[in-house]
């Protein structure tokens, strides 16, 4: 989705005219195949926090202070890879200004759970026998997520898996802005390693590992600690996203 990334990068730095926005969006085949790109309401429904002001399109996270933004910290468990597996559990914590404002947790029905996944997560196929199906859970999760910034430890895995699952169940794709807590931690927390388990021990975060909600809670704590260590010049959401991607990593001896 190179054209989509280019469009979002432009919006993260400046407003675009509506006509320029649409012209650039037409280059994104993954979007033109699934919805009318002229409809700003659909962009918003897919998670992109934009608004149209007369002839301008603005990415609201470009000017919104971090303290006023809703962040949704997400973790999923799956029974395999993206090509052959499916989500079997979603857990999420939503925060604003460091305060929890909501939680989402659901198992997802699946026909089978490999023994290796049961050993890792403790989730058995019997546990999923009466769980809601994937369509139902994704629909509920979409509503919960809304236009929040999507946060996860190794965000591309969770984000892409959920987005691909939504596309396959005719819920569109995710367009939410996203932040990886691994990359953010590398720029704010001196550590030898940045796996979730290692950071939990380093930072004194105590809860069960490899269950979706608990891992989301752990990632949320890491995210909040990282926010407390941001440079003073990182004030808006888009500045935070750029800092996470582009700034220098902290050194262990600092």
C-alpha atoms as a PDB file:
ATOM      1  CA  UNK A   1       0.000   0.000   0.000  1.00  0.00           C
ATOM      2  CA  UNK A   2       2.732   2.432  -0.970  1.00  0.00           C
ATOM      3  CA  UNK A   3       0.275   5.006  -2.347  1.00  0.00           C
ATOM      4  CA  UNK A   4      -1.754   4.889   0.876  1.00  0.00           C
ATOM      5  CA  UNK A   5       1.379   5.406   2.991  1.00  0.00           C
ATOM      6  CA  UNK A   6       2.347   8.360   0.807  1.00  0.00           C
ATOM      7  CA  UNK A   7      -1.108   9.874   1.219  1.00  0.00           C
ATOM      8  CA  UNK A   8      -1.069   9.455   5.002  1.00  0.00           C
ATOM      9  CA  UNK A   9       2.450  10.864   5.241  1.00  0.00           C
ATOM     10  CA  UNK A  10       1.320  13.965   3.376  1.00  0.00           C
ATOM     11  CA  UNK A  11      -1.732  14.385   5.611  1.00  0.00           C
ATOM     12  CA  UNK A  12       0.404  13.974   8.717  1.00  0.00           C
ATOM     13  CA  UNK A  13       2.349  17.080   7.690  1.00  0.00           C
ATOM     14  CA  UNK A  14      -0.234  19.359   6.069  1.00  0.00           C
ATOM     15  CA  UNK A  15      -3.826  19.705   4.955  1.00  0.00           C
ATOM     16  CA  UNK A  16      -4.696  18.674   1.407  1.00  0.00           C
ATOM     17  CA  UNK A  17      -7.295  20.119  -0.890  1.00  0.00           C
ATOM     18  CA  UNK A  18     -10.258  17.778  -1.213  1.00  0.00           C
ATOM     19  CA  UNK A  19      -9.534  17.296  -4.907  1.00  0.00           C
ATOM     20  CA  UNK A  20      -5.854  16.527  -4.313  1.00  0.00           C
ATOM     21  CA  UNK A  21      -6.854  14.075  -1.584  1.00  0.00           C
ATOM     22  CA  UNK A  22      -9.269  12.252  -3.904  1.00  0.00           C
ATOM     23  CA  UNK A  23      -6.790  12.232  -6.794  1.00  0.00           C
ATOM     24  CA  UNK A  24      -4.165  10.591  -4.590  1.00  0.00           C
ATOM     25  CA  UNK A  25      -6.695   8.183  -3.059  1.00  0.00           C
ATOM     26  CA  UNK A  26      -7.660   6.971  -6.539  1.00  0.00           C
ATOM     27  CA  UNK A  27      -4.159   5.492  -6.814  1.00  0.00           C
ATOM     28  CA  UNK A  28      -4.850   3.136  -3.885  1.00  0.00           C
ATOM     29  CA  UNK A  29      -6.462   0.098  -5.512  1.00  0.00           C
ATOM     30  CA  UNK A  30      -7.041  -1.597  -2.142  1.00  0.00           C
ATOM     31  CA  UNK A  31      -9.407   1.254  -1.251  1.00  0.00           C
ATOM     32  CA  UNK A  32     -11.136   1.924  -4.563  1.00  0.00           C
ATOM     33  CA  UNK A  33     -12.080  -1.765  -4.712  1.00  0.00           C
ATOM     34  CA  UNK A  34     -14.045  -1.655  -1.462  1.00  0.00           C
ATOM     35  CA  UNK A  35     -15.663   1.780  -1.087  1.00  0.00           C
ATOM     36  CA  UNK A  36     -16.437   5.140  -2.655  1.00  0.00           C
ATOM     37  CA  UNK A  37     -13.337   7.158  -1.780  1.00  0.00           C
ATOM     38  CA  UNK A  38     -15.257  10.438  -2.189  1.00  0.00           C
ATOM     39  CA  UNK A  39     -17.250   9.637   0.956  1.00  0.00           C
ATOM     40  CA  UNK A  40     -15.332  11.039   3.948  1.00  0.00           C
ATOM     41  CA  UNK A  41     -17.729   9.280   6.342  1.00  0.00           C
ATOM     42  CA  UNK A  42     -16.512   5.882   5.117  1.00  0.00           C
ATOM     43  CA  UNK A  43     -12.868   6.862   5.640  1.00  0.00           C
ATOM     44  CA  UNK A  44     -13.817   7.734   9.211  1.00  0.00           C
ATOM     45  CA  UNK A  45     -15.765   4.498   9.672  1.00  0.00           C
ATOM     46  CA  UNK A  46     -12.630   2.584   8.656  1.00  0.00           C
ATOM     47  CA  UNK A  47     -10.723   4.346  11.419  1.00  0.00           C
ATOM     48  CA  UNK A  48      -8.980   7.293   9.766  1.00  0.00           C
ATOM     49  CA  UNK A  49      -9.587  10.394  11.880  1.00  0.00           C
ATOM     50  CA  UNK A  50      -9.995  12.966   9.119  1.00  0.00           C
ATOM     51  CA  UNK A  51     -12.387  15.836   8.582  1.00  0.00           C
ATOM     52  CA  UNK A  52     -13.385  17.934   5.588  1.00  0.00           C
ATOM     53  CA  UNK A  53     -13.534  21.679   6.073  1.00  0.00           C
ATOM     54  CA  UNK A  54     -15.030  23.248   2.941  1.00  0.00           C
ATOM     55  CA  UNK A  55     -12.371  22.352   0.342  1.00  0.00           C
ATOM     56  CA  UNK A  56      -9.696  21.017   2.713  1.00  0.00           C
ATOM     57  CA  UNK A  57      -9.110  17.551   4.191  1.00  0.00           C
ATOM     58  CA  UNK A  58      -7.354  17.478   7.559  1.00  0.00           C
ATOM     59  CA  UNK A  59      -5.889  14.616   9.579  1.00  0.00           C
ATOM     60  CA  UNK A  60      -7.082  15.487  13.078  1.00  0.00           C
ATOM     61  CA  UNK A  61      -4.205  13.705  14.805  1.00  0.00           C
ATOM     62  CA  UNK A  62      -1.827  16.221  13.194  1.00  0.00           C
ATOM     63  CA  UNK A  63      -2.982  18.952  15.567  1.00  0.00           C
ATOM     64  CA  UNK A  64      -4.489  16.987  18.456  1.00  0.00           C
ATOM     65  CA  UNK A  65      -2.487  16.994  21.713  1.00  0.00           C
ATOM     66  CA  UNK A  66      -1.464  13.552  22.978  1.00  0.00           C
ATOM     67  CA  UNK A  67      -3.447  14.141  26.186  1.00  0.00           C
ATOM     68  CA  UNK A  68      -6.686  14.538  24.197  1.00  0.00           C
ATOM     69  CA  UNK A  69      -6.268  11.419  22.031  1.00  0.00           C
ATOM     70  CA  UNK A  70      -7.886   8.030  22.601  1.00  0.00           C
ATOM     71  CA  UNK A  71      -5.394   5.184  22.272  1.00  0.00           C
ATOM     72  CA  UNK A  72      -6.495   1.558  21.946  1.00  0.00           C
ATOM     73  CA  UNK A  73      -3.862  -0.975  23.029  1.00  0.00           C
ATOM     74  CA  UNK A  74      -4.574  -4.306  21.346  1.00  0.00           C
ATOM     75  CA  UNK A  75      -3.369  -7.895  21.473  1.00  0.00           C
ATOM     76  CA  UNK A  76      -4.612 -10.970  19.643  1.00  0.00           C
ATOM     77  CA  UNK A  77      -4.051 -14.700  19.913  1.00  0.00           C
ATOM     78  CA  UNK A  78      -4.298 -16.789  16.746  1.00  0.00           C
ATOM     79  CA  UNK A  79      -4.281 -20.483  15.846  1.00  0.00           C
ATOM     80  CA  UNK A  80      -1.793 -19.997  13.007  1.00  0.00           C
ATOM     81  CA  UNK A  81      -0.283 -17.538  10.548  1.00  0.00           C
ATOM     82  CA  UNK A  82      -2.220 -14.977   8.530  1.00  0.00           C
ATOM     83  CA  UNK A  83      -2.467 -17.177   5.444  1.00  0.00           C
ATOM     84  CA  UNK A  84      -3.896 -20.241   7.185  1.00  0.00           C
ATOM     85  CA  UNK A  85      -4.862 -19.264  10.732  1.00  0.00           C
ATOM     86  CA  UNK A  86      -7.498 -17.107  12.363  1.00  0.00           C
ATOM     87  CA  UNK A  87      -7.942 -14.940  15.433  1.00  0.00           C
ATOM     88  CA  UNK A  88      -9.035 -16.930  18.494  1.00  0.00           C
ATOM     89  CA  UNK A  89      -8.938 -14.104  21.058  1.00  0.00           C
ATOM     90  CA  UNK A  90      -8.919 -10.305  21.051  1.00  0.00           C
ATOM     91  CA  UNK A  91      -8.115  -8.155  24.056  1.00  0.00           C
ATOM     92  CA  UNK A  92      -7.886  -4.363  24.135  1.00  0.00           C
ATOM     93  CA  UNK A  93      -7.588  -1.486  26.580  1.00  0.00           C
ATOM     94  CA  UNK A  94      -8.596   2.042  25.625  1.00  0.00           C
ATOM     95  CA  UNK A  95      -6.998   5.004  27.405  1.00  0.00           C
ATOM     96  CA  UNK A  96      -7.136   8.788  27.256  1.00  0.00           C
ATOM     97  CA  UNK A  97      -4.755  11.091  29.132  1.00  0.00           C
ATOM     98  CA  UNK A  98      -3.335   8.045  30.933  1.00  0.00           C
ATOM     99  CA  UNK A  99      -6.734   6.922  32.260  1.00  0.00           C
ATOM    100  CA  UNK A 100      -8.445   3.708  31.197  1.00  0.00           C
ATOM    101  CA  UNK A 101     -11.805   4.408  29.572  1.00  0.00           C
ATOM    102  CA  UNK A 102     -12.758   0.971  28.251  1.00  0.00           C
ATOM    103  CA  UNK A 103     -11.876  -2.689  27.778  1.00  0.00           C
ATOM    104  CA  UNK A 104     -12.662  -5.268  25.128  1.00  0.00           C
ATOM    105  CA  UNK A 105     -12.190  -9.009  25.536  1.00  0.00           C
ATOM    106  CA  UNK A 106     -13.560 -11.949  23.570  1.00  0.00           C
ATOM    107  CA  UNK A 107     -12.667 -15.465  22.589  1.00  0.00           C
ATOM    108  CA  UNK A 108     -13.490 -16.368  18.978  1.00  0.00           C
ATOM    109  CA  UNK A 109     -14.917 -19.658  17.750  1.00  0.00           C
ATOM    110  CA  UNK A 110     -12.474 -21.824  15.795  1.00  0.00           C
ATOM    111  CA  UNK A 111     -12.716 -25.416  14.629  1.00  0.00           C
ATOM    112  CA  UNK A 112      -9.260 -26.301  15.861  1.00  0.00           C
ATOM    113  CA  UNK A 113      -6.453 -25.082  18.101  1.00  0.00           C
ATOM    114  CA  UNK A 114      -3.037 -26.688  17.580  1.00  0.00           C
ATOM    115  CA  UNK A 115      -1.396 -28.180  20.648  1.00  0.00           C
ATOM    116  CA  UNK A 116       1.473 -25.697  20.328  1.00  0.00           C
ATOM    117  CA  UNK A 117      -0.985 -22.796  20.647  1.00  0.00           C
ATOM    118  CA  UNK A 118      -2.643 -24.396  23.675  1.00  0.00           C
ATOM    119  CA  UNK A 119       0.763 -24.802  25.305  1.00  0.00           C
ATOM    120  CA  UNK A 120       1.556 -21.141  24.630  1.00  0.00           C
ATOM    121  CA  UNK A 121      -1.774 -19.549  25.549  1.00  0.00           C
ATOM    122  CA  UNK A 122      -3.684 -22.139  27.563  1.00  0.00           C
ATOM    123  CA  UNK A 123      -6.583 -21.795  25.097  1.00  0.00           C
ATOM    124  CA  UNK A 124      -8.109 -25.152  24.103  1.00  0.00           C
ATOM    125  CA  UNK A 125     -10.543 -25.869  21.301  1.00  0.00           C
ATOM    126  CA  UNK A 126     -13.138 -26.759  23.943  1.00  0.00           C
ATOM    127  CA  UNK A 127     -12.843 -23.202  25.297  1.00  0.00           C
ATOM    128  CA  UNK A 128     -13.948 -21.862  21.917  1.00  0.00           C
ATOM    129  CA  UNK A 129     -16.870 -24.224  21.398  1.00  0.00           C
ATOM    130  CA  UNK A 130     -19.479 -21.685  22.516  1.00  0.00           C
ATOM    131  CA  UNK A 131     -17.538 -18.525  21.651  1.00  0.00           C
ATOM    132  CA  UNK A 132     -19.016 -16.008  19.164  1.00  0.00           C
ATOM    133  CA  UNK A 133     -17.924 -16.332  15.546  1.00  0.00           C
ATOM    134  CA  UNK A 134     -15.264 -14.141  13.966  1.00  0.00           C
ATOM    135  CA  UNK A 135     -17.734 -11.888  12.131  1.00  0.00           C
ATOM    136  CA  UNK A 136     -19.560 -11.056  15.351  1.00  0.00           C
ATOM    137  CA  UNK A 137     -16.379 -10.316  17.297  1.00  0.00           C
ATOM    138  CA  UNK A 138     -14.836  -8.183  14.552  1.00  0.00           C
ATOM    139  CA  UNK A 139     -18.018  -6.140  14.230  1.00  0.00           C
ATOM    140  CA  UNK A 140     -18.020  -5.450  17.980  1.00  0.00           C
ATOM    141  CA  UNK A 141     -14.301  -4.706  17.985  1.00  0.00           C
ATOM    142  CA  UNK A 142     -14.624  -2.275  15.074  1.00  0.00           C
ATOM    143  CA  UNK A 143     -17.164  -0.272  17.085  1.00  0.00           C
ATOM    144  CA  UNK A 144     -14.940  -0.351  20.183  1.00  0.00           C
ATOM    145  CA  UNK A 145     -11.812   0.696  18.278  1.00  0.00           C
ATOM    146  CA  UNK A 146     -13.581   3.487  16.384  1.00  0.00           C
ATOM    147  CA  UNK A 147     -10.994   6.125  15.341  1.00  0.00           C
ATOM    148  CA  UNK A 148      -8.565   5.465  18.194  1.00  0.00           C
ATOM    149  CA  UNK A 149      -4.859   5.202  17.507  1.00  0.00           C
ATOM    150  CA  UNK A 150      -4.074   1.472  17.346  1.00  0.00           C
ATOM    151  CA  UNK A 151      -1.262   0.478  19.730  1.00  0.00           C
ATOM    152  CA  UNK A 152       0.376  -2.948  20.020  1.00  0.00           C
ATOM    153  CA  UNK A 153       3.642  -4.667  20.860  1.00  0.00           C
ATOM    154  CA  UNK A 154       4.903  -5.554  17.373  1.00  0.00           C
ATOM    155  CA  UNK A 155       1.998  -3.595  15.947  1.00  0.00           C
ATOM    156  CA  UNK A 156       2.246  -4.738  12.340  1.00  0.00           C
ATOM    157  CA  UNK A 157       1.351  -8.317  13.272  1.00  0.00           C
ATOM    158  CA  UNK A 158      -1.829  -7.474  15.214  1.00  0.00           C
ATOM    159  CA  UNK A 159      -2.855  -4.598  12.938  1.00  0.00           C
ATOM    160  CA  UNK A 160      -2.364  -6.470   9.673  1.00  0.00           C
ATOM    161  CA  UNK A 161      -3.935  -9.690  10.961  1.00  0.00           C
ATOM    162  CA  UNK A 162      -7.048  -7.846  12.144  1.00  0.00           C
ATOM    163  CA  UNK A 163      -7.219  -5.700   9.007  1.00  0.00           C
ATOM    164  CA  UNK A 164      -6.906  -8.740   6.755  1.00  0.00           C
ATOM    165  CA  UNK A 165      -9.568 -10.568   8.784  1.00  0.00           C
ATOM    166  CA  UNK A 166     -11.920  -7.596   8.475  1.00  0.00           C
ATOM    167  CA  UNK A 167     -11.383  -7.426   4.736  1.00  0.00           C
ATOM    168  CA  UNK A 168     -12.132 -11.150   4.405  1.00  0.00           C
ATOM    169  CA  UNK A 169     -15.373 -10.735   6.365  1.00  0.00           C
ATOM    170  CA  UNK A 170     -16.507  -7.668   4.378  1.00  0.00           C
ATOM    171  CA  UNK A 171     -15.860  -5.124   7.145  1.00  0.00           C
ATOM    172  CA  UNK A 172     -13.327  -3.197   5.077  1.00  0.00           C
ATOM    173  CA  UNK A 173      -9.762  -2.680   6.274  1.00  0.00           C
ATOM    174  CA  UNK A 174      -8.188  -0.778   9.152  1.00  0.00           C
ATOM    175  CA  UNK A 175      -7.129   2.784   8.433  1.00  0.00           C
ATOM    176  CA  UNK A 176      -6.424   3.781  12.041  1.00  0.00           C
ATOM    177  CA  UNK A 177      -3.144   5.477  12.822  1.00  0.00           C
ATOM    178  CA  UNK A 178      -0.845   3.053  14.645  1.00  0.00           C
ATOM    179  CA  UNK A 179       2.109   2.948  17.027  1.00  0.00           C
ATOM    180  CA  UNK A 180       4.397   0.050  17.958  1.00  0.00           C
ATOM    181  CA  UNK A 181       5.289  -0.128  21.659  1.00  0.00           C
ATOM    182  CA  UNK A 182       8.501  -2.003  20.801  1.00  0.00           C
ATOM    183  CA  UNK A 183       9.713   0.915  18.677  1.00  0.00           C
ATOM    184  CA  UNK A 184       8.485   3.515  21.171  1.00  0.00           C
ATOM    185  CA  UNK A 185      10.154   1.687  24.064  1.00  0.00           C
ATOM    186  CA  UNK A 186      13.439   1.544  22.130  1.00  0.00           C
ATOM    187  CA  UNK A 187      13.385   5.343  22.099  1.00  0.00           C
ATOM    188  CA  UNK A 188      12.353   5.893  25.716  1.00  0.00           C
ATOM    189  CA  UNK A 189      13.352   2.887  27.871  1.00  0.00           C
ATOM    190  CA  UNK A 190      16.980   1.687  28.061  1.00  0.00           C
ATOM    191  CA  UNK A 191      16.907  -2.121  27.890  1.00  0.00           C
ATOM    192  CA  UNK A 192      18.946  -5.019  26.555  1.00  0.00           C
ATOM    193  CA  UNK A 193      15.848  -6.536  24.934  1.00  0.00           C
ATOM    194  CA  UNK A 194      12.375  -5.321  24.039  1.00  0.00           C
ATOM    195  CA  UNK A 195      10.202  -8.428  24.052  1.00  0.00           C
ATOM    196  CA  UNK A 196       7.030  -8.073  26.096  1.00  0.00           C
ATOM    197  CA  UNK A 197       8.110 -10.584  28.741  1.00  0.00           C
ATOM    198  CA  UNK A 198      11.506  -8.954  29.234  1.00  0.00           C
ATOM    199  CA  UNK A 199      10.082  -5.432  29.503  1.00  0.00           C
ATOM    200  CA  UNK A 200       7.425  -6.609  31.959  1.00  0.00           C
ATOM    201  CA  UNK A 201      10.118  -7.976  34.256  1.00  0.00           C
ATOM    202  CA  UNK A 202      12.317  -4.904  33.822  1.00  0.00           C
ATOM    203  CA  UNK A 203       9.459  -2.510  34.602  1.00  0.00           C
ATOM    204  CA  UNK A 204       7.797  -4.596  37.332  1.00  0.00           C
ATOM    205  CA  UNK A 205       4.587  -5.315  35.413  1.00  0.00           C
ATOM    206  CA  UNK A 206       2.937  -8.419  36.851  1.00  0.00           C
ATOM    207  CA  UNK A 207       0.194 -10.374  35.066  1.00  0.00           C
ATOM    208  CA  UNK A 208      -0.351 -13.532  33.017  1.00  0.00           C
ATOM    209  CA  UNK A 209       1.548 -13.719  29.726  1.00  0.00           C
ATOM    210  CA  UNK A 210       0.201 -14.891  26.332  1.00  0.00           C
ATOM    211  CA  UNK A 211      -3.483 -14.111  26.878  1.00  0.00           C
ATOM    212  CA  UNK A 212      -4.856 -11.279  24.810  1.00  0.00           C
ATOM    213  CA  UNK A 213      -6.270  -8.901  27.428  1.00  0.00           C
ATOM    214  CA  UNK A 214      -3.404  -9.402  29.863  1.00  0.00           C
ATOM    215  CA  UNK A 215      -0.835  -8.773  27.143  1.00  0.00           C
ATOM    216  CA  UNK A 216      -2.774  -5.680  26.047  1.00  0.00           C
ATOM    217  CA  UNK A 217      -2.722  -4.427  29.648  1.00  0.00           C
ATOM    218  CA  UNK A 218       1.044  -5.028  29.808  1.00  0.00           C
ATOM    219  CA  UNK A 219       1.618  -3.203  26.517  1.00  0.00           C
ATOM    220  CA  UNK A 220      -0.575  -0.379  27.796  1.00  0.00           C
ATOM    221  CA  UNK A 221       1.617   0.006  30.886  1.00  0.00           C
ATOM    222  CA  UNK A 222       4.725   0.096  28.690  1.00  0.00           C
ATOM    223  CA  UNK A 223       3.044   2.700  26.487  1.00  0.00           C
ATOM    224  CA  UNK A 224       2.186   4.911  29.473  1.00  0.00           C
ATOM    225  CA  UNK A 225       5.729   4.669  30.842  1.00  0.00           C
ATOM    226  CA  UNK A 226       7.089   5.606  27.423  1.00  0.00           C
ATOM    227  CA  UNK A 227       4.753   8.606  27.216  1.00  0.00           C
ATOM    228  CA  UNK A 228       6.076   9.842  30.556  1.00  0.00           C
ATOM    229  CA  UNK A 229       9.596   9.875  29.093  1.00  0.00           C
ATOM    230  CA  UNK A 230       8.878  11.762  25.868  1.00  0.00           C
ATOM    231  CA  UNK A 231      10.894  14.871  24.982  1.00  0.00           C
ATOM    232  CA  UNK A 232       8.996  18.086  25.658  1.00  0.00           C
ATOM    233  CA  UNK A 233       8.827  18.950  21.966  1.00  0.00           C
ATOM    234  CA  UNK A 234       6.675  15.872  21.203  1.00  0.00           C
ATOM    235  CA  UNK A 235       3.199  17.276  21.786  1.00  0.00           C
ATOM    236  CA  UNK A 236       0.776  16.115  19.089  1.00  0.00           C
ATOM    237  CA  UNK A 237      -0.239  12.602  18.094  1.00  0.00           C
ATOM    238  CA  UNK A 238       1.499  12.797  14.727  1.00  0.00           C
ATOM    239  CA  UNK A 239       4.660  14.085  16.409  1.00  0.00           C
ATOM    240  CA  UNK A 240       4.479  11.001  18.641  1.00  0.00           C
ATOM    241  CA  UNK A 241       4.102   8.728  15.612  1.00  0.00           C
ATOM    242  CA  UNK A 242       7.088  10.363  13.898  1.00  0.00           C
ATOM    243  CA  UNK A 243       9.146  10.153  17.093  1.00  0.00           C
ATOM    244  CA  UNK A 244       8.383   6.430  17.348  1.00  0.00           C
ATOM    245  CA  UNK A 245       9.529   5.787  13.791  1.00  0.00           C
ATOM    246  CA  UNK A 246      12.392   8.195  13.257  1.00  0.00           C
ATOM    247  CA  UNK A 247      14.085   9.358  16.450  1.00  0.00           C
ATOM    248  CA  UNK A 248      17.329   7.974  17.850  1.00  0.00           C
ATOM    249  CA  UNK A 249      17.147   4.924  20.090  1.00  0.00           C
ATOM    250  CA  UNK A 250      18.167   5.299  23.727  1.00  0.00           C
ATOM    251  CA  UNK A 251      21.444   3.797  24.890  1.00  0.00           C
ATOM    252  CA  UNK A 252      21.606   1.330  27.766  1.00  0.00           C
ATOM    253  CA  UNK A 253      24.302   3.321  29.552  1.00  0.00           C
ATOM    254  CA  UNK A 254      22.234   6.506  29.667  1.00  0.00           C
END
